Amino acid sequence: MQDLTNTQYFKVQKDNEIGVHEILNEVFAALNEKGYNPVNQIVGYIMSGDPTYITSHNNARSLMVRVDRDEIVEELLMSYVQANGWRA
């Protein structure tokens, strides 16, 4: 039998942190698999905040709502800047 006179500790495993870049990759792939235009759908979500623009296929919608829309815009803009060889 376990000794219950001392304080017992347990560790809760946190969900793996996933970055905005990875979320966008997964959402893009899920939208593409379902036959949607990923660019149009993601822009619709960013502009309106309506999560129904993102499919629930492969858990894409719940991933997308984990991050603020301004973080998504920032990630997209930084990728654009880097792809063009500019410095931010």
Protein backbone atom coordinates (compact mmCIF):
# COMPACT_ATOMS: atom_id res chain seq x y z
CA MET A 1 0.00 0.00 0.00
CA GLN A 2 1.15 3.53 -0.83
CA ASP A 3 2.22 5.92 1.95
CA LEU A 4 -0.42 8.69 1.99
CA THR A 5 1.04 10.70 4.88
CA ASN A 6 3.27 12.75 2.58
CA THR A 7 2.31 15.11 -0.19
CA GLN A 8 1.86 13.26 -3.45
CA TYR A 9 2.98 14.83 -6.71
CA PHE A 10 1.96 14.12 -10.25
CA LYS A 11 2.96 15.68 -13.51
CA VAL A 12 0.46 16.75 -16.14
CA GLN A 13 1.77 16.42 -19.67
CA LYS A 14 1.15 19.60 -21.69
CA ASP A 15 -0.01 19.38 -25.28
CA ASN A 16 2.86 19.71 -27.69
CA GLU A 17 3.19 23.34 -28.59
CA ILE A 18 2.61 23.84 -32.28
CA GLY A 19 3.62 27.02 -34.04
CA VAL A 20 1.59 29.19 -36.38
CA HIS A 21 3.64 28.00 -39.36
CA GLU A 22 2.82 24.35 -38.65
CA ILE A 23 -0.85 25.14 -38.06
CA LEU A 24 -1.08 26.95 -41.39
CA ASN A 25 0.57 24.00 -43.14
CA GLU A 26 -1.90 21.53 -41.63
CA VAL A 27 -4.94 23.75 -42.29
CA PHE A 28 -3.82 24.39 -45.87
CA ALA A 29 -3.43 20.64 -46.47
CA ALA A 30 -6.84 19.85 -44.94
CA LEU A 31 -8.59 22.50 -47.04
CA ASN A 32 -6.85 21.24 -50.15
CA GLU A 33 -7.83 17.62 -49.40
CA LYS A 34 -11.47 18.62 -49.11
CA GLY A 35 -11.33 20.44 -52.47
CA TYR A 36 -11.47 24.00 -51.16
CA ASN A 37 -9.28 26.87 -52.32
CA PRO A 38 -7.07 27.21 -49.22
CA VAL A 39 -6.06 30.81 -49.92
CA ASN A 40 -9.66 32.01 -50.29
CA GLN A 41 -10.81 30.11 -47.21
CA ILE A 42 -7.97 31.34 -44.98
CA VAL A 43 -8.44 34.93 -46.17
CA GLY A 44 -12.17 34.63 -45.45
CA TYR A 45 -11.40 33.42 -41.94
CA ILE A 46 -8.84 36.17 -41.28
CA MET A 47 -11.14 38.92 -42.55
CA SER A 48 -14.33 37.78 -40.82
CA GLY A 49 -13.19 35.73 -37.84
CA ASP A 50 -15.79 33.13 -38.79
CA PRO A 51 -14.24 29.69 -38.14
CA THR A 52 -16.66 27.98 -40.54
CA TYR A 53 -14.37 29.11 -43.37
CA ILE A 54 -12.00 26.40 -42.10
CA THR A 55 -12.96 22.76 -42.52
CA SER A 56 -13.13 20.53 -39.47
CA HIS A 57 -11.40 17.82 -41.54
CA ASN A 58 -8.23 16.59 -39.79
CA ASN A 59 -8.99 18.89 -36.84
CA ALA A 60 -8.05 21.94 -38.94
CA ARG A 61 -10.67 24.27 -37.47
CA SER A 62 -9.72 23.63 -33.87
CA LEU A 63 -6.05 24.12 -34.75
CA MET A 64 -6.75 27.41 -36.49
CA VAL A 65 -8.71 28.92 -33.62
CA ARG A 66 -5.79 28.21 -31.24
CA VAL A 67 -3.96 31.28 -32.55
CA ASP A 68 -5.06 34.87 -32.86
CA ARG A 69 -5.78 36.12 -36.35
CA ASP A 70 -3.16 38.85 -36.01
CA GLU A 71 -0.53 36.16 -35.35
CA ILE A 72 -1.59 34.44 -38.58
CA VAL A 73 -1.27 37.68 -40.55
CA GLU A 74 2.14 38.33 -38.97
CA GLU A 75 3.36 34.82 -39.91
CA LEU A 76 2.12 35.19 -43.48
CA LEU A 77 3.72 38.61 -43.89
CA MET A 78 7.03 37.45 -42.42
CA SER A 79 7.06 34.50 -44.83
CA TYR A 80 6.40 36.87 -47.72
CA VAL A 81 9.15 39.25 -46.62
CA GLN A 82 11.68 36.43 -46.22
CA ALA A 83 10.73 34.85 -49.54
CA ASN A 84 11.52 38.16 -51.26
CA GLY A 85 14.88 38.52 -49.51
CA TRP A 86 13.87 41.55 -47.52
CA ARG A 87 14.67 42.21 -43.89
CA ALA A 88 11.99 43.07 -41.37
